């Protein structure tokens, strides 16, 4: 079984400690541990690597799936997360279920490609199939979905593509 480590957010504004989740065989485990990556990049790790190990194999590739990239809390979080991951050498792609939006320009300026699917039907089944085709071609190490749209359309697309998937849901203070 292969181990993948994925940074999911900063522990503090000036901290290099990052919250991590480790994916073992497509299952998320131990999302509470923190590791200090310094200036290094997360890497694919061999089966016997200890959690928090930065391995020397090829750089990790993450595909993010989100509804759109208009200015909002989840979209700004994704932009900031993607920027930090890019700074650490992690290759990324962002797929939007709906229209791209202004944050797409920020991501593209960081060298992160954005692909918009502009879902045209309520069910969006063709969007799922199209995204799965793209994910098979990109072959990311992990797909990270953001928000409800990521779960509804991104998880099935990742599963169809045979890629491991981690879902991130956002809650407003009033919703918690």
C-alpha atoms as a PDB file:
ATOM      1  CA  UNK A   1       0.000   0.000   0.000  1.00  0.00           C
ATOM      2  CA  UNK A   2       1.354   3.427  -0.961  1.00  0.00           C
ATOM      3  CA  UNK A   3       1.349   6.373   1.445  1.00  0.00           C
ATOM      4  CA  UNK A   4       0.569   9.905   0.307  1.00  0.00           C
ATOM      5  CA  UNK A   5       0.780  12.983   2.516  1.00  0.00           C
ATOM      6  CA  UNK A   6      -1.228  16.099   1.668  1.00  0.00           C
ATOM      7  CA  UNK A   7      -1.025  19.514   3.306  1.00  0.00           C
ATOM      8  CA  UNK A   8      -4.506  20.865   3.975  1.00  0.00           C
ATOM      9  CA  UNK A   9      -3.940  24.145   5.799  1.00  0.00           C
ATOM     10  CA  UNK A  10      -1.573  26.271   7.808  1.00  0.00           C
ATOM     11  CA  UNK A  11      -1.479  25.942  11.579  1.00  0.00           C
ATOM     12  CA  UNK A  12      -0.927  29.688  11.906  1.00  0.00           C
ATOM     13  CA  UNK A  13      -0.348  32.745   9.708  1.00  0.00           C
ATOM     14  CA  UNK A  14       3.424  32.811  10.276  1.00  0.00           C
ATOM     15  CA  UNK A  15       3.926  29.103  10.845  1.00  0.00           C
ATOM     16  CA  UNK A  16       5.500  26.541   8.567  1.00  0.00           C
ATOM     17  CA  UNK A  17       3.749  23.775  10.521  1.00  0.00           C
ATOM     18  CA  UNK A  18       0.971  22.423   8.377  1.00  0.00           C
ATOM     19  CA  UNK A  19      -1.998  20.220   9.201  1.00  0.00           C
ATOM     20  CA  UNK A  20      -1.682  17.050   7.202  1.00  0.00           C
ATOM     21  CA  UNK A  21      -3.780  14.103   6.331  1.00  0.00           C
ATOM     22  CA  UNK A  22      -2.237  10.860   5.244  1.00  0.00           C
ATOM     23  CA  UNK A  23      -3.916   8.716   2.646  1.00  0.00           C
ATOM     24  CA  UNK A  24      -3.255   5.019   2.824  1.00  0.00           C
ATOM     25  CA  UNK A  25      -4.819   3.072  -0.018  1.00  0.00           C
ATOM     26  CA  UNK A  26      -7.358   5.822  -0.663  1.00  0.00           C
ATOM     27  CA  UNK A  27      -8.482   6.109   2.984  1.00  0.00           C
ATOM     28  CA  UNK A  28      -7.819   9.232   5.035  1.00  0.00           C
ATOM     29  CA  UNK A  29      -6.106   8.597   8.353  1.00  0.00           C
ATOM     30  CA  UNK A  30      -4.838  10.756  11.203  1.00  0.00           C
ATOM     31  CA  UNK A  31      -5.860  14.224  10.051  1.00  0.00           C
ATOM     32  CA  UNK A  32      -4.847  15.717  13.398  1.00  0.00           C
ATOM     33  CA  UNK A  33      -1.040  15.339  13.273  1.00  0.00           C
ATOM     34  CA  UNK A  34       1.150  18.276  12.282  1.00  0.00           C
ATOM     35  CA  UNK A  35       4.484  18.196  10.515  1.00  0.00           C
ATOM     36  CA  UNK A  36       7.024  20.933   9.866  1.00  0.00           C
ATOM     37  CA  UNK A  37       7.936  20.944   6.181  1.00  0.00           C
ATOM     38  CA  UNK A  38      10.246  23.953   6.266  1.00  0.00           C
ATOM     39  CA  UNK A  39      11.000  24.838   2.638  1.00  0.00           C
ATOM     40  CA  UNK A  40      10.608  21.253   1.357  1.00  0.00           C
ATOM     41  CA  UNK A  41       7.893  19.840  -0.830  1.00  0.00           C
ATOM     42  CA  UNK A  42       5.621  16.957  -0.021  1.00  0.00           C
ATOM     43  CA  UNK A  43       6.569  13.868  -1.973  1.00  0.00           C
ATOM     44  CA  UNK A  44       5.170  10.448  -2.718  1.00  0.00           C
ATOM     45  CA  UNK A  45       6.471   8.149   0.001  1.00  0.00           C
ATOM     46  CA  UNK A  46       7.300   4.436  -0.129  1.00  0.00           C
ATOM     47  CA  UNK A  47       5.057   1.997   1.723  1.00  0.00           C
ATOM     48  CA  UNK A  48       7.296   1.855   4.773  1.00  0.00           C
ATOM     49  CA  UNK A  49       7.798   5.628   5.178  1.00  0.00           C
ATOM     50  CA  UNK A  50       6.945   7.068   8.570  1.00  0.00           C
ATOM     51  CA  UNK A  51       4.187   9.661   8.772  1.00  0.00           C
ATOM     52  CA  UNK A  52       5.632  13.130   8.288  1.00  0.00           C
ATOM     53  CA  UNK A  53       8.580  11.883   6.235  1.00  0.00           C
ATOM     54  CA  UNK A  54       9.497  14.009   3.225  1.00  0.00           C
ATOM     55  CA  UNK A  55      10.606  11.534   0.581  1.00  0.00           C
ATOM     56  CA  UNK A  56      12.900  12.111  -2.374  1.00  0.00           C
ATOM     57  CA  UNK A  57      10.745  10.598  -5.121  1.00  0.00           C
ATOM     58  CA  UNK A  58       8.916  12.755  -7.734  1.00  0.00           C
ATOM     59  CA  UNK A  59       6.866  15.724  -6.572  1.00  0.00           C
ATOM     60  CA  UNK A  60       3.272  15.146  -5.578  1.00  0.00           C
ATOM     61  CA  UNK A  61       0.491  16.235  -7.949  1.00  0.00           C
ATOM     62  CA  UNK A  62      -2.847  17.433  -6.521  1.00  0.00           C
ATOM     63  CA  UNK A  63      -6.025  18.144  -8.491  1.00  0.00           C
ATOM     64  CA  UNK A  64      -8.536  20.412  -6.724  1.00  0.00           C
ATOM     65  CA  UNK A  65     -12.240  20.403  -7.631  1.00  0.00           C
ATOM     66  CA  UNK A  66     -14.501  23.301  -6.577  1.00  0.00           C
ATOM     67  CA  UNK A  67     -17.802  24.780  -7.802  1.00  0.00           C
ATOM     68  CA  UNK A  68     -16.420  28.121  -9.063  1.00  0.00           C
ATOM     69  CA  UNK A  69     -13.644  30.631  -8.420  1.00  0.00           C
ATOM     70  CA  UNK A  70     -15.667  33.757  -7.640  1.00  0.00           C
ATOM     71  CA  UNK A  71     -14.509  35.633  -4.550  1.00  0.00           C
ATOM     72  CA  UNK A  72     -15.741  33.784  -1.471  1.00  0.00           C
ATOM     73  CA  UNK A  73     -14.387  32.102   1.638  1.00  0.00           C
ATOM     74  CA  UNK A  74     -13.784  28.635   0.174  1.00  0.00           C
ATOM     75  CA  UNK A  75     -12.382  30.032  -3.047  1.00  0.00           C
ATOM     76  CA  UNK A  76      -9.964  32.343  -1.219  1.00  0.00           C
ATOM     77  CA  UNK A  77      -8.946  29.416   1.013  1.00  0.00           C
ATOM     78  CA  UNK A  78      -8.252  27.293  -2.085  1.00  0.00           C
ATOM     79  CA  UNK A  79      -6.216  30.107  -3.669  1.00  0.00           C
ATOM     80  CA  UNK A  80      -4.120  30.537  -0.523  1.00  0.00           C
ATOM     81  CA  UNK A  81      -3.678  26.791  -0.039  1.00  0.00           C
ATOM     82  CA  UNK A  82      -2.711  26.297  -3.686  1.00  0.00           C
ATOM     83  CA  UNK A  83      -0.224  29.148  -3.442  1.00  0.00           C
ATOM     84  CA  UNK A  84       1.430  27.621  -0.384  1.00  0.00           C
ATOM     85  CA  UNK A  85       1.529  24.158  -1.967  1.00  0.00           C
ATOM     86  CA  UNK A  86       3.001  25.635  -5.172  1.00  0.00           C
ATOM     87  CA  UNK A  87       5.634  27.440  -3.105  1.00  0.00           C
ATOM     88  CA  UNK A  88       6.565  24.045  -1.663  1.00  0.00           C
ATOM     89  CA  UNK A  89       6.934  22.544  -5.144  1.00  0.00           C
ATOM     90  CA  UNK A  90       3.661  20.618  -5.400  1.00  0.00           C
ATOM     91  CA  UNK A  91       2.215  20.394  -8.915  1.00  0.00           C
ATOM     92  CA  UNK A  92      -1.510  21.256  -9.064  1.00  0.00           C
ATOM     93  CA  UNK A  93      -4.500  21.656 -11.318  1.00  0.00           C
ATOM     94  CA  UNK A  94      -7.836  23.246 -10.418  1.00  0.00           C
ATOM     95  CA  UNK A  95     -11.081  22.048 -12.001  1.00  0.00           C
ATOM     96  CA  UNK A  96     -14.287  24.046 -11.571  1.00  0.00           C
ATOM     97  CA  UNK A  97     -17.702  22.450 -11.972  1.00  0.00           C
ATOM     98  CA  UNK A  98     -19.222  25.799 -12.939  1.00  0.00           C
ATOM     99  CA  UNK A  99     -17.714  29.008 -14.343  1.00  0.00           C
ATOM    100  CA  UNK A 100     -14.163  29.893 -13.352  1.00  0.00           C
ATOM    101  CA  UNK A 101     -14.379  33.409 -11.852  1.00  0.00           C
ATOM    102  CA  UNK A 102     -11.783  36.052 -10.935  1.00  0.00           C
ATOM    103  CA  UNK A 103      -9.694  33.855  -8.597  1.00  0.00           C
ATOM    104  CA  UNK A 104      -8.791  31.733 -11.654  1.00  0.00           C
ATOM    105  CA  UNK A 105      -6.491  34.576 -12.777  1.00  0.00           C
ATOM    106  CA  UNK A 106      -4.672  34.499  -9.420  1.00  0.00           C
ATOM    107  CA  UNK A 107      -4.134  30.736  -9.689  1.00  0.00           C
ATOM    108  CA  UNK A 108      -2.975  30.919 -13.292  1.00  0.00           C
ATOM    109  CA  UNK A 109      -0.540  33.721 -12.351  1.00  0.00           C
ATOM    110  CA  UNK A 110       0.973  31.225  -9.863  1.00  0.00           C
ATOM    111  CA  UNK A 111       1.377  28.721 -12.700  1.00  0.00           C
ATOM    112  CA  UNK A 112      -1.601  26.584 -11.637  1.00  0.00           C
ATOM    113  CA  UNK A 113      -3.779  25.588 -14.616  1.00  0.00           C
ATOM    114  CA  UNK A 114      -7.548  26.049 -14.226  1.00  0.00           C
ATOM    115  CA  UNK A 115     -10.095  24.139 -16.275  1.00  0.00           C
ATOM    116  CA  UNK A 116     -13.778  25.101 -16.144  1.00  0.00           C
ATOM    117  CA  UNK A 117     -16.566  22.656 -17.045  1.00  0.00           C
ATOM    118  CA  UNK A 118     -19.584  24.987 -16.891  1.00  0.00           C
ATOM    119  CA  UNK A 119     -22.051  22.275 -15.838  1.00  0.00           C
ATOM    120  CA  UNK A 120     -25.112  22.737 -18.034  1.00  0.00           C
ATOM    121  CA  UNK A 121     -27.695  20.350 -16.587  1.00  0.00           C
ATOM    122  CA  UNK A 122     -29.051  19.930 -13.088  1.00  0.00           C
ATOM    123  CA  UNK A 123     -27.545  16.460 -12.652  1.00  0.00           C
ATOM    124  CA  UNK A 124     -24.297  17.290 -14.441  1.00  0.00           C
ATOM    125  CA  UNK A 125     -23.573  13.665 -15.376  1.00  0.00           C
ATOM    126  CA  UNK A 126     -21.620  14.684 -18.485  1.00  0.00           C
ATOM    127  CA  UNK A 127     -19.538  17.013 -16.298  1.00  0.00           C
ATOM    128  CA  UNK A 128     -18.639  14.077 -14.027  1.00  0.00           C
ATOM    129  CA  UNK A 129     -17.590  11.981 -17.030  1.00  0.00           C
ATOM    130  CA  UNK A 130     -15.606  14.877 -18.542  1.00  0.00           C
ATOM    131  CA  UNK A 131     -13.833  15.579 -15.261  1.00  0.00           C
ATOM    132  CA  UNK A 132     -13.056  11.855 -14.840  1.00  0.00           C
ATOM    133  CA  UNK A 133     -11.506  11.840 -18.311  1.00  0.00           C
ATOM    134  CA  UNK A 134      -9.345  14.833 -17.383  1.00  0.00           C
ATOM    135  CA  UNK A 135      -8.331  13.244 -14.066  1.00  0.00           C
ATOM    136  CA  UNK A 136      -7.298  10.029 -15.843  1.00  0.00           C
ATOM    137  CA  UNK A 137      -5.149  12.106 -18.209  1.00  0.00           C
ATOM    138  CA  UNK A 138      -3.620  14.235 -15.416  1.00  0.00           C
ATOM    139  CA  UNK A 139      -3.166  11.207 -13.109  1.00  0.00           C
ATOM    140  CA  UNK A 140      -2.874  13.266  -9.894  1.00  0.00           C
ATOM    141  CA  UNK A 141      -1.664  11.517  -6.755  1.00  0.00           C
ATOM    142  CA  UNK A 142      -4.763  12.768  -4.963  1.00  0.00           C
ATOM    143  CA  UNK A 143      -7.918  14.727  -5.792  1.00  0.00           C
ATOM    144  CA  UNK A 144      -8.955  17.241  -3.139  1.00  0.00           C
ATOM    145  CA  UNK A 145     -12.577  18.331  -3.442  1.00  0.00           C
ATOM    146  CA  UNK A 146     -13.806  21.582  -1.917  1.00  0.00           C
ATOM    147  CA  UNK A 147     -17.350  22.233  -0.674  1.00  0.00           C
ATOM    148  CA  UNK A 148     -20.610  20.586  -1.646  1.00  0.00           C
ATOM    149  CA  UNK A 149     -19.989  20.739  -5.406  1.00  0.00           C
ATOM    150  CA  UNK A 150     -16.682  19.005  -4.908  1.00  0.00           C
ATOM    151  CA  UNK A 151     -18.449  16.181  -3.089  1.00  0.00           C
ATOM    152  CA  UNK A 152     -21.412  15.935  -5.487  1.00  0.00           C
ATOM    153  CA  UNK A 153     -19.446  16.073  -8.760  1.00  0.00           C
ATOM    154  CA  UNK A 154     -15.779  15.741  -7.806  1.00  0.00           C
ATOM    155  CA  UNK A 155     -15.914  12.551  -5.730  1.00  0.00           C
ATOM    156  CA  UNK A 156     -17.697  10.526  -8.444  1.00  0.00           C
ATOM    157  CA  UNK A 157     -15.292  11.908 -11.075  1.00  0.00           C
ATOM    158  CA  UNK A 158     -12.267  10.926  -8.964  1.00  0.00           C
ATOM    159  CA  UNK A 159     -13.711   7.459  -8.319  1.00  0.00           C
ATOM    160  CA  UNK A 160     -14.417   6.944 -12.044  1.00  0.00           C
ATOM    161  CA  UNK A 161     -10.845   8.008 -12.781  1.00  0.00           C
ATOM    162  CA  UNK A 162      -9.493   5.618 -10.147  1.00  0.00           C
ATOM    163  CA  UNK A 163      -7.812   8.426  -8.165  1.00  0.00           C
ATOM    164  CA  UNK A 164      -7.744   8.751  -4.353  1.00  0.00           C
ATOM    165  CA  UNK A 165      -9.926  11.586  -3.112  1.00  0.00           C
ATOM    166  CA  UNK A 166     -10.086  13.762   0.017  1.00  0.00           C
ATOM    167  CA  UNK A 167     -13.066  16.061   0.582  1.00  0.00           C
ATOM    168  CA  UNK A 168     -12.941  19.370   2.399  1.00  0.00           C
ATOM    169  CA  UNK A 169     -16.209  20.917   3.567  1.00  0.00           C
ATOM    170  CA  UNK A 170     -16.478  24.527   4.716  1.00  0.00           C
ATOM    171  CA  UNK A 171     -18.813  25.664   7.490  1.00  0.00           C
ATOM    172  CA  UNK A 172     -19.796  29.173   8.389  1.00  0.00           C
ATOM    173  CA  UNK A 173     -19.759  29.988  12.090  1.00  0.00           C
ATOM    174  CA  UNK A 174     -23.598  30.020  12.040  1.00  0.00           C
ATOM    175  CA  UNK A 175     -23.658  26.492  10.572  1.00  0.00           C
ATOM    176  CA  UNK A 176     -21.427  24.858  13.184  1.00  0.00           C
END
